[in-house]
Amino acid sequence: MMTLLRRIKDSFGQGSPPGRMELVKFDGFDELDKRYALDTFLEKTADEIARELAKQQSRYKSLSYIEVLSVMEPAGYQYYLAPYLMQMVNDETDDAPDLEFVSFVLCAVRGIISHRGPCAFSETQQDVLLDLITLLAAGSARRDPSDAFAESLPGDFEEIRYALLSHQGKA
């Protein structure tokens, strides 16, 4: 798991936080979400977002942040996705990971892929996402099958995996 955490940190969240124009593009669509993205993320580092996530007693309080990842420009979501992915890896060691959090992060990733295509992520980022999905899928067996989020996760895993592997010519 430490290797996956390092790979996430090395491929997402690199450099300086994106500026206003790199974070969102105001084009008449999703204007409120884009303003919220600016209010929430502008000038914050990925480490600051990671600290905010870590101090939440229940990460579902931060779900509104997750929603705006999909309206960001590539520099924005590629930078700010790192703390969310790392939190999912860290949660995987918990006896009861926050499946709502996992589901919402995967929904944001699916939204990005659906809107921009798999090329929204570099080859390295795609490989990291595939390895993360493999890790999460392996942990599915110990989840409560009556949990609505646990029930939907296998479909989320497969949809993202298929999109990424198809783009790489491996599906």
Protein backbone atom coordinates (compact mmCIF):
# COMPACT_ATOMS: atom_id res chain seq x y z
CA MET A 1 0.00 0.00 0.00
CA MET A 2 2.86 2.37 0.70
CA THR A 3 4.00 1.97 -2.90
CA LEU A 4 0.54 2.89 -4.18
CA LEU A 5 0.45 5.93 -1.89
CA ARG A 6 3.84 7.03 -3.25
CA ARG A 7 2.68 6.50 -6.84
CA ILE A 8 -0.45 8.59 -6.20
CA LYS A 9 1.63 11.38 -4.70
CA ASP A 10 4.13 11.20 -7.58
CA SER A 11 1.53 11.26 -10.37
CA PHE A 12 -1.23 13.46 -8.91
CA GLY A 13 -0.93 16.65 -6.86
CA GLN A 14 2.48 17.66 -8.18
CA GLY A 15 3.86 21.18 -8.33
CA SER A 16 2.07 24.32 -7.24
CA PRO A 17 -1.69 24.56 -6.83
CA PRO A 18 -3.39 25.54 -10.07
CA GLY A 19 -4.34 29.18 -10.49
CA ARG A 20 -7.83 30.46 -11.14
CA MET A 21 -7.69 29.96 -14.92
CA GLU A 22 -6.17 26.47 -14.58
CA LEU A 23 -8.70 25.44 -11.94
CA VAL A 24 -11.97 26.25 -13.73
CA LYS A 25 -13.11 27.70 -17.01
CA PHE A 26 -16.30 29.77 -16.89
CA ASP A 27 -18.18 28.77 -20.03
CA GLY A 28 -21.81 29.16 -18.96
CA PHE A 29 -22.12 25.61 -17.58
CA ASP A 30 -22.03 24.56 -13.92
CA GLU A 31 -21.24 28.13 -12.88
CA LEU A 32 -22.25 27.65 -9.21
CA ASP A 33 -20.13 24.50 -8.89
CA LYS A 34 -17.18 26.29 -10.45
CA ARG A 35 -17.51 29.21 -8.05
CA TYR A 36 -17.66 26.72 -5.19
CA ALA A 37 -14.53 25.01 -6.54
CA LEU A 38 -12.73 28.36 -6.49
CA ASP A 39 -13.94 29.14 -2.96
CA THR A 40 -12.94 25.69 -1.73
CA PHE A 41 -9.67 24.95 -3.53
CA LEU A 42 -8.06 28.11 -4.90
CA GLU A 43 -4.58 28.65 -3.45
CA LYS A 44 -4.81 25.55 -1.25
CA THR A 45 -2.19 22.87 -1.61
CA ALA A 46 -3.04 19.20 -2.02
CA ASP A 47 -1.47 18.69 1.43
CA GLU A 48 -3.89 21.22 2.95
CA ILE A 49 -6.85 19.37 1.43
CA ALA A 50 -5.39 16.08 2.72
CA ARG A 51 -5.15 17.54 6.25
CA GLU A 52 -8.77 18.73 6.03
CA LEU A 53 -9.87 15.23 4.98
CA ALA A 54 -7.83 13.58 7.74
CA LYS A 55 -9.28 15.73 10.50
CA GLN A 56 -12.87 15.03 9.48
CA GLN A 57 -14.38 12.58 11.94
CA SER A 58 -16.53 11.30 9.14
CA ARG A 59 -15.29 11.94 5.65
CA TYR A 60 -18.77 12.20 4.18
CA LYS A 61 -18.79 15.80 5.44
CA SER A 62 -16.32 16.56 2.69
CA LEU A 63 -18.42 15.03 -0.08
CA SER A 64 -19.44 18.44 -1.38
CA TYR A 65 -15.78 19.03 -2.22
CA ILE A 66 -15.75 15.83 -4.25
CA GLU A 67 -18.65 16.95 -6.43
CA VAL A 68 -16.72 19.89 -7.84
CA LEU A 69 -13.73 17.83 -8.95
CA SER A 70 -15.59 16.92 -12.13
CA VAL A 71 -16.16 20.58 -13.14
CA MET A 72 -12.49 21.46 -12.81
CA GLU A 73 -10.08 21.81 -15.68
CA PRO A 74 -7.48 19.01 -16.07
CA ALA A 75 -4.82 20.84 -14.03
CA GLY A 76 -7.36 21.20 -11.22
CA TYR A 77 -8.65 17.65 -10.90
CA GLN A 78 -5.25 16.10 -11.61
CA TYR A 79 -3.80 18.16 -8.76
CA TYR A 80 -6.62 17.90 -6.20
CA LEU A 81 -7.60 14.27 -6.76
CA ALA A 82 -4.45 13.10 -4.93
CA PRO A 83 -5.68 13.60 -1.33
CA TYR A 84 -8.95 11.82 -2.08
CA LEU A 85 -7.21 8.83 -3.67
CA MET A 86 -4.71 8.65 -0.82
CA GLN A 87 -7.53 8.77 1.73
CA MET A 88 -9.21 5.83 -0.01
CA VAL A 89 -5.98 3.80 0.22
CA ASN A 90 -5.58 4.69 3.90
CA ASP A 91 -9.23 3.84 4.61
CA GLU A 92 -8.83 0.43 3.01
CA THR A 93 -6.98 -0.71 6.15
CA ASP A 94 -9.96 0.24 8.36
CA ASP A 95 -12.36 -2.44 9.54
CA ALA A 96 -15.24 -0.36 8.17
CA PRO A 97 -14.06 1.96 5.39
CA ASP A 98 -16.36 4.85 4.48
CA LEU A 99 -18.00 3.36 1.40
CA GLU A 100 -19.98 6.52 0.76
CA PHE A 101 -16.70 8.41 0.44
CA VAL A 102 -15.27 5.76 -1.92
CA SER A 103 -18.45 5.77 -3.99
CA PHE A 104 -18.48 9.56 -4.36
CA VAL A 105 -14.80 9.73 -5.32
CA LEU A 106 -15.30 7.01 -7.92
CA CYS A 107 -18.37 8.88 -9.19
CA ALA A 108 -16.21 11.99 -9.68
CA VAL A 109 -13.58 9.93 -11.55
CA ARG A 110 -16.31 8.35 -13.71
CA GLY A 111 -17.71 11.83 -14.41
CA ILE A 112 -14.32 13.10 -15.51
CA ILE A 113 -13.77 10.08 -17.77
CA SER A 114 -17.31 10.34 -19.15
CA HIS A 115 -16.98 14.05 -19.89
CA ARG A 116 -13.37 14.19 -21.12
CA GLY A 117 -12.53 10.59 -21.97
CA PRO A 118 -9.83 8.39 -20.41
CA CYS A 119 -7.16 10.66 -21.89
CA ALA A 120 -8.19 13.13 -19.17
CA PHE A 121 -5.53 11.27 -17.20
CA SER A 122 -1.94 10.54 -18.23
CA GLU A 123 -0.91 6.92 -18.84
CA THR A 124 0.81 6.90 -15.43
CA GLN A 125 -2.30 8.28 -13.73
CA GLN A 126 -4.45 5.69 -15.51
CA ASP A 127 -2.16 2.90 -14.25
CA VAL A 128 -2.42 4.28 -10.70
CA LEU A 129 -6.22 4.42 -10.95
CA LEU A 130 -6.31 0.82 -12.23
CA ASP A 131 -4.13 -0.36 -9.32
CA LEU A 132 -6.30 1.53 -6.84
CA ILE A 133 -9.43 -0.09 -8.25
CA THR A 134 -7.75 -3.51 -8.00
CA LEU A 135 -6.94 -2.83 -4.32
CA LEU A 136 -10.48 -1.66 -3.57
CA ALA A 137 -12.05 -4.58 -5.44
CA ALA A 138 -9.92 -7.04 -3.45
CA GLY A 139 -11.27 -5.53 -0.24
CA SER A 140 -14.88 -5.90 -1.41
CA ALA A 141 -15.20 -9.37 0.09
CA ARG A 142 -15.00 -8.03 3.65
CA ARG A 143 -17.67 -5.37 3.14
CA ASP A 144 -21.24 -5.67 4.37
CA PRO A 145 -23.22 -6.73 1.27
CA SER A 146 -26.37 -5.06 2.64
CA ASP A 147 -24.67 -1.64 2.43
CA ALA A 148 -26.11 0.15 -0.62
CA PHE A 149 -22.71 1.59 -1.47
CA ALA A 150 -21.00 -1.83 -1.21
CA GLU A 151 -23.57 -3.16 -3.64
CA SER A 152 -22.85 -0.51 -6.27
CA LEU A 153 -19.04 -0.48 -6.01
CA PRO A 154 -18.31 -3.53 -8.22
CA GLY A 155 -20.15 -1.84 -11.10
CA ASP A 156 -18.20 1.37 -10.52
CA PHE A 157 -14.92 -0.58 -10.50
CA GLU A 158 -15.74 -2.33 -13.75
CA GLU A 159 -16.95 0.79 -15.55
CA ILE A 160 -13.77 2.73 -14.76
CA ARG A 161 -11.51 -0.28 -15.38
CA TYR A 162 -13.12 -0.95 -18.76
CA ALA A 163 -12.86 2.71 -19.87
CA LEU A 164 -9.19 2.93 -18.90
CA LEU A 165 -8.18 -0.46 -20.31
CA SER A 166 -10.06 0.19 -23.57
CA HIS A 167 -8.20 3.47 -23.97
CA GLN A 168 -4.91 1.65 -23.42
CA GLY A 169 -5.92 -1.05 -25.91
CA LYS A 170 -5.89 -3.73 -23.19
CA ALA A 171 -9.63 -4.46 -22.79
